[in-house]
Amino acid sequence: MRHFPSLAELSRRQFIQLASLGLTGGLSLGRLSEAVAGLPQTSKQQSVVMVYLPGGPTQFETFDPKPDAPSEIRGSFAATQSRVPGVQFCELLPELSTIADKFSVVRTLVGMENRHESFQCYTGRAGGRTEDGEPAGGWPSF
């Protein structure tokens, strides 16, 4: 994962370089918004719902069954084919299988450590504290 320095880590020169990039980008923003306004809209979706299930069933027993995997790896329940070719769900989620063409399932979320912490999913940072040492619980949810 890429490290983004905090303000305390930036030298004065680096800060001025970064600030000038923002300024030059702001000057061309008007032209960019004009160009984007002329493009056809490719999607009407306006929101994303992230479902994070801490302490819930494993992915092998819900959204990513492995019916062809060895018995010690695959889940306890059978897999059912959804409306999307190649996408299967657990037999306990039959309604989701019928509307699978209306949503996306991200199966490639990988953390930097072998832990399942919501902190990294929500912030993109590893560990339980910010670089400044403040606990992450004080961050607003957005």
C-alpha atoms as a PDB file:
ATOM      1  CA  MET A   1       0.000   0.000   0.000  1.00  0.00           C
ATOM      2  CA  ARG A   2       1.289   3.434  -0.827  1.00  0.00           C
ATOM      3  CA  HIS A   3       2.357   5.643   2.069  1.00  0.00           C
ATOM      4  CA  PHE A   4       0.998   9.194   2.047  1.00  0.00           C
ATOM      5  CA  PRO A   5       3.011  11.491   4.302  1.00  0.00           C
ATOM      6  CA  SER A   6       1.292  13.533   6.964  1.00  0.00           C
ATOM      7  CA  LEU A   7       1.793  17.298   7.067  1.00  0.00           C
ATOM      8  CA  ALA A   8       4.315  16.860   9.870  1.00  0.00           C
ATOM      9  CA  GLU A   9       6.496  14.741   7.565  1.00  0.00           C
ATOM     10  CA  LEU A  10       6.524  17.212   4.657  1.00  0.00           C
ATOM     11  CA  SER A  11       9.370  19.641   4.207  1.00  0.00           C
ATOM     12  CA  ARG A  12       8.539  23.242   3.336  1.00  0.00           C
ATOM     13  CA  ARG A  13       9.664  22.617  -0.251  1.00  0.00           C
ATOM     14  CA  GLN A  14       7.467  19.514  -0.598  1.00  0.00           C
ATOM     15  CA  PHE A  15       4.500  21.397   0.816  1.00  0.00           C
ATOM     16  CA  ILE A  16       4.924  24.249  -1.690  1.00  0.00           C
ATOM     17  CA  GLN A  17       5.273  21.757  -4.545  1.00  0.00           C
ATOM     18  CA  LEU A  18       2.081  19.963  -3.543  1.00  0.00           C
ATOM     19  CA  ALA A  19       0.193  23.204  -2.975  1.00  0.00           C
ATOM     20  CA  SER A  20       1.212  24.518  -6.399  1.00  0.00           C
ATOM     21  CA  LEU A  21      -0.074  21.335  -8.019  1.00  0.00           C
ATOM     22  CA  GLY A  22      -3.427  21.947  -6.387  1.00  0.00           C
ATOM     23  CA  LEU A  23      -3.439  25.560  -7.551  1.00  0.00           C
ATOM     24  CA  THR A  24      -2.655  24.729 -11.182  1.00  0.00           C
ATOM     25  CA  GLY A  25      -5.254  21.987 -11.101  1.00  0.00           C
ATOM     26  CA  GLY A  26      -7.803  24.468  -9.771  1.00  0.00           C
ATOM     27  CA  LEU A  27      -7.087  26.873 -12.619  1.00  0.00           C
ATOM     28  CA  SER A  28      -7.870  24.222 -15.219  1.00  0.00           C
ATOM     29  CA  LEU A  29     -10.882  22.870 -13.331  1.00  0.00           C
ATOM     30  CA  GLY A  30     -13.268  25.171 -15.193  1.00  0.00           C
ATOM     31  CA  ARG A  31     -12.233  23.750 -18.553  1.00  0.00           C
ATOM     32  CA  LEU A  32     -12.383  20.226 -17.199  1.00  0.00           C
ATOM     33  CA  SER A  33     -15.934  20.680 -15.916  1.00  0.00           C
ATOM     34  CA  GLU A  34     -16.945  22.126 -19.297  1.00  0.00           C
ATOM     35  CA  ALA A  35     -15.481  19.101 -21.076  1.00  0.00           C
ATOM     36  CA  VAL A  36     -17.138  16.637 -18.716  1.00  0.00           C
ATOM     37  CA  ALA A  37     -20.505  18.385 -19.035  1.00  0.00           C
ATOM     38  CA  GLY A  38     -20.525  17.594 -22.759  1.00  0.00           C
ATOM     39  CA  LEU A  39     -19.999  13.867 -22.225  1.00  0.00           C
ATOM     40  CA  PRO A  40     -22.967  11.502 -22.157  1.00  0.00           C
ATOM     41  CA  GLN A  41     -23.862  10.103 -18.753  1.00  0.00           C
ATOM     42  CA  THR A  42     -22.769   6.481 -18.590  1.00  0.00           C
ATOM     43  CA  SER A  43     -24.419   5.629 -15.293  1.00  0.00           C
ATOM     44  CA  LYS A  44     -27.363   6.808 -13.241  1.00  0.00           C
ATOM     45  CA  GLN A  45     -26.188   5.270  -9.972  1.00  0.00           C
ATOM     46  CA  GLN A  46     -25.662   7.887  -7.308  1.00  0.00           C
ATOM     47  CA  SER A  47     -24.583   5.898  -4.286  1.00  0.00           C
ATOM     48  CA  VAL A  48     -22.677   2.889  -3.032  1.00  0.00           C
ATOM     49  CA  VAL A  49     -23.706   0.671  -0.146  1.00  0.00           C
ATOM     50  CA  MET A  50     -20.824  -1.092   1.566  1.00  0.00           C
ATOM     51  CA  VAL A  51     -21.863  -4.097   3.617  1.00  0.00           C
ATOM     52  CA  TYR A  52     -19.180  -4.969   6.149  1.00  0.00           C
ATOM     53  CA  LEU A  53     -20.055  -7.955   8.312  1.00  0.00           C
ATOM     54  CA  PRO A  54     -17.663  -8.187  11.249  1.00  0.00           C
ATOM     55  CA  GLY A  55     -18.009 -11.509  12.991  1.00  0.00           C
ATOM     56  CA  GLY A  56     -20.386 -12.823  10.362  1.00  0.00           C
ATOM     57  CA  PRO A  57     -20.210 -16.036   8.356  1.00  0.00           C
ATOM     58  CA  THR A  58     -17.213 -16.614   6.104  1.00  0.00           C
ATOM     59  CA  GLN A  59     -17.214 -15.718   2.430  1.00  0.00           C
ATOM     60  CA  PHE A  60     -17.238 -19.441   1.594  1.00  0.00           C
ATOM     61  CA  GLU A  61     -20.606 -19.762   3.337  1.00  0.00           C
ATOM     62  CA  THR A  62     -22.199 -16.659   1.785  1.00  0.00           C
ATOM     63  CA  PHE A  63     -21.030 -14.736  -1.278  1.00  0.00           C
ATOM     64  CA  ASP A  64     -18.122 -16.813  -2.563  1.00  0.00           C
ATOM     65  CA  PRO A  65     -18.793 -20.528  -2.188  1.00  0.00           C
ATOM     66  CA  LYS A  66     -16.172 -22.884  -3.561  1.00  0.00           C
ATOM     67  CA  PRO A  67     -18.188 -25.948  -4.638  1.00  0.00           C
ATOM     68  CA  ASP A  68     -15.204 -27.520  -6.419  1.00  0.00           C
ATOM     69  CA  ALA A  69     -12.766 -26.982  -3.532  1.00  0.00           C
ATOM     70  CA  PRO A  70     -11.749 -29.758  -1.132  1.00  0.00           C
ATOM     71  CA  SER A  71     -14.209 -30.408   1.686  1.00  0.00           C
ATOM     72  CA  GLU A  72     -11.940 -28.820   4.316  1.00  0.00           C
ATOM     73  CA  ILE A  73     -12.007 -25.507   2.392  1.00  0.00           C
ATOM     74  CA  ARG A  74     -15.521 -25.150   1.006  1.00  0.00           C
ATOM     75  CA  GLY A  75     -18.474 -24.127   3.136  1.00  0.00           C
ATOM     76  CA  SER A  76     -21.092 -26.389   4.666  1.00  0.00           C
ATOM     77  CA  PHE A  77     -23.876 -25.281   2.320  1.00  0.00           C
ATOM     78  CA  ALA A  78     -24.480 -25.880  -1.366  1.00  0.00           C
ATOM     79  CA  ALA A  79     -23.866 -23.202  -3.977  1.00  0.00           C
ATOM     80  CA  THR A  80     -26.646 -21.883  -6.202  1.00  0.00           C
ATOM     81  CA  GLN A  81     -26.132 -20.242  -9.571  1.00  0.00           C
ATOM     82  CA  SER A  82     -27.244 -16.612  -9.781  1.00  0.00           C
ATOM     83  CA  ARG A  83     -28.510 -14.688 -12.807  1.00  0.00           C
ATOM     84  CA  VAL A  84     -24.927 -13.644 -13.551  1.00  0.00           C
ATOM     85  CA  PRO A  85     -22.870 -16.343 -15.300  1.00  0.00           C
ATOM     86  CA  GLY A  86     -20.104 -17.644 -13.055  1.00  0.00           C
ATOM     87  CA  VAL A  87     -21.442 -15.959  -9.906  1.00  0.00           C
ATOM     88  CA  GLN A  88     -22.727 -18.291  -7.216  1.00  0.00           C
ATOM     89  CA  PHE A  89     -24.098 -17.689  -3.748  1.00  0.00           C
ATOM     90  CA  CYS A  90     -24.843 -19.909  -0.790  1.00  0.00           C
ATOM     91  CA  GLU A  91     -28.109 -21.844  -0.921  1.00  0.00           C
ATOM     92  CA  LEU A  92     -29.266 -19.794   2.093  1.00  0.00           C
ATOM     93  CA  LEU A  93     -29.285 -16.598  -0.026  1.00  0.00           C
ATOM     94  CA  PRO A  94     -31.771 -17.485  -2.794  1.00  0.00           C
ATOM     95  CA  GLU A  95     -33.254 -13.994  -3.119  1.00  0.00           C
ATOM     96  CA  LEU A  96     -29.833 -12.456  -3.712  1.00  0.00           C
ATOM     97  CA  SER A  97     -29.237 -14.967  -6.491  1.00  0.00           C
ATOM     98  CA  THR A  98     -32.294 -13.683  -8.332  1.00  0.00           C
ATOM     99  CA  ILE A  99     -31.152 -10.038  -8.276  1.00  0.00           C
ATOM    100  CA  ALA A 100     -27.392 -10.554  -8.692  1.00  0.00           C
ATOM    101  CA  ASP A 101     -27.456  -8.645 -11.980  1.00  0.00           C
ATOM    102  CA  LYS A 102     -28.368  -5.495 -10.035  1.00  0.00           C
ATOM    103  CA  PHE A 103     -25.318  -5.265  -7.724  1.00  0.00           C
ATOM    104  CA  SER A 104     -21.604  -6.036  -7.547  1.00  0.00           C
ATOM    105  CA  VAL A 105     -19.734  -8.271  -5.150  1.00  0.00           C
ATOM    106  CA  VAL A 106     -16.102  -7.351  -4.470  1.00  0.00           C
ATOM    107  CA  ARG A 107     -14.143 -10.531  -3.863  1.00  0.00           C
ATOM    108  CA  THR A 108     -10.654  -9.084  -4.067  1.00  0.00           C
ATOM    109  CA  LEU A 109     -10.330  -7.087  -0.846  1.00  0.00           C
ATOM    110  CA  VAL A 110      -6.902  -7.814   0.587  1.00  0.00           C
ATOM    111  CA  GLY A 111      -5.399  -6.382   3.747  1.00  0.00           C
ATOM    112  CA  MET A 112      -1.780  -5.708   4.604  1.00  0.00           C
ATOM    113  CA  GLU A 113      -1.972  -7.933   7.664  1.00  0.00           C
ATOM    114  CA  ASN A 114      -3.747 -11.204   8.309  1.00  0.00           C
ATOM    115  CA  ARG A 115      -6.419  -9.541  10.437  1.00  0.00           C
ATOM    116  CA  HIS A 116      -9.967  -8.527   9.641  1.00  0.00           C
ATOM    117  CA  GLU A 117     -10.152  -5.006  10.971  1.00  0.00           C
ATOM    118  CA  SER A 118     -12.768  -2.544   9.835  1.00  0.00           C
ATOM    119  CA  PHE A 119     -10.282   0.294  10.356  1.00  0.00           C
ATOM    120  CA  GLN A 120      -8.289  -0.677   7.278  1.00  0.00           C
ATOM    121  CA  CYS A 121     -11.415  -1.217   5.165  1.00  0.00           C
ATOM    122  CA  TYR A 122     -12.782   2.221   5.975  1.00  0.00           C
ATOM    123  CA  THR A 123      -9.576   4.272   5.962  1.00  0.00           C
ATOM    124  CA  GLY A 124      -7.065   2.430   3.798  1.00  0.00           C
ATOM    125  CA  ARG A 125      -4.507   2.538   6.613  1.00  0.00           C
ATOM    126  CA  ALA A 126      -3.070  -0.418   8.478  1.00  0.00           C
ATOM    127  CA  GLY A 127      -3.062  -0.536  12.258  1.00  0.00           C
ATOM    128  CA  GLY A 128      -5.440   0.895  14.792  1.00  0.00           C
ATOM    129  CA  ARG A 129      -4.071   4.437  15.037  1.00  0.00           C
ATOM    130  CA  THR A 130      -3.407   7.280  12.670  1.00  0.00           C
ATOM    131  CA  GLU A 131       0.106   8.422  11.846  1.00  0.00           C
ATOM    132  CA  ASP A 132      -0.300  11.170  14.439  1.00  0.00           C
ATOM    133  CA  GLY A 133      -1.003   8.560  17.109  1.00  0.00           C
ATOM    134  CA  GLU A 134      -4.659   9.503  17.529  1.00  0.00           C
ATOM    135  CA  PRO A 135      -7.131   6.632  17.881  1.00  0.00           C
ATOM    136  CA  ALA A 136      -9.154   6.051  14.738  1.00  0.00           C
ATOM    137  CA  GLY A 137     -12.460   5.937  16.613  1.00  0.00           C
ATOM    138  CA  GLY A 138     -12.643   9.721  16.585  1.00  0.00           C
ATOM    139  CA  TRP A 139     -12.840   9.847  12.802  1.00  0.00           C
ATOM    140  CA  PRO A 140     -16.195  10.756  11.284  1.00  0.00           C
ATOM    141  CA  SER A 141     -17.968   8.193   9.146  1.00  0.00           C
ATOM    142  CA  PHE A 142     -18.628   9.231   5.598  1.00  0.00           C
END
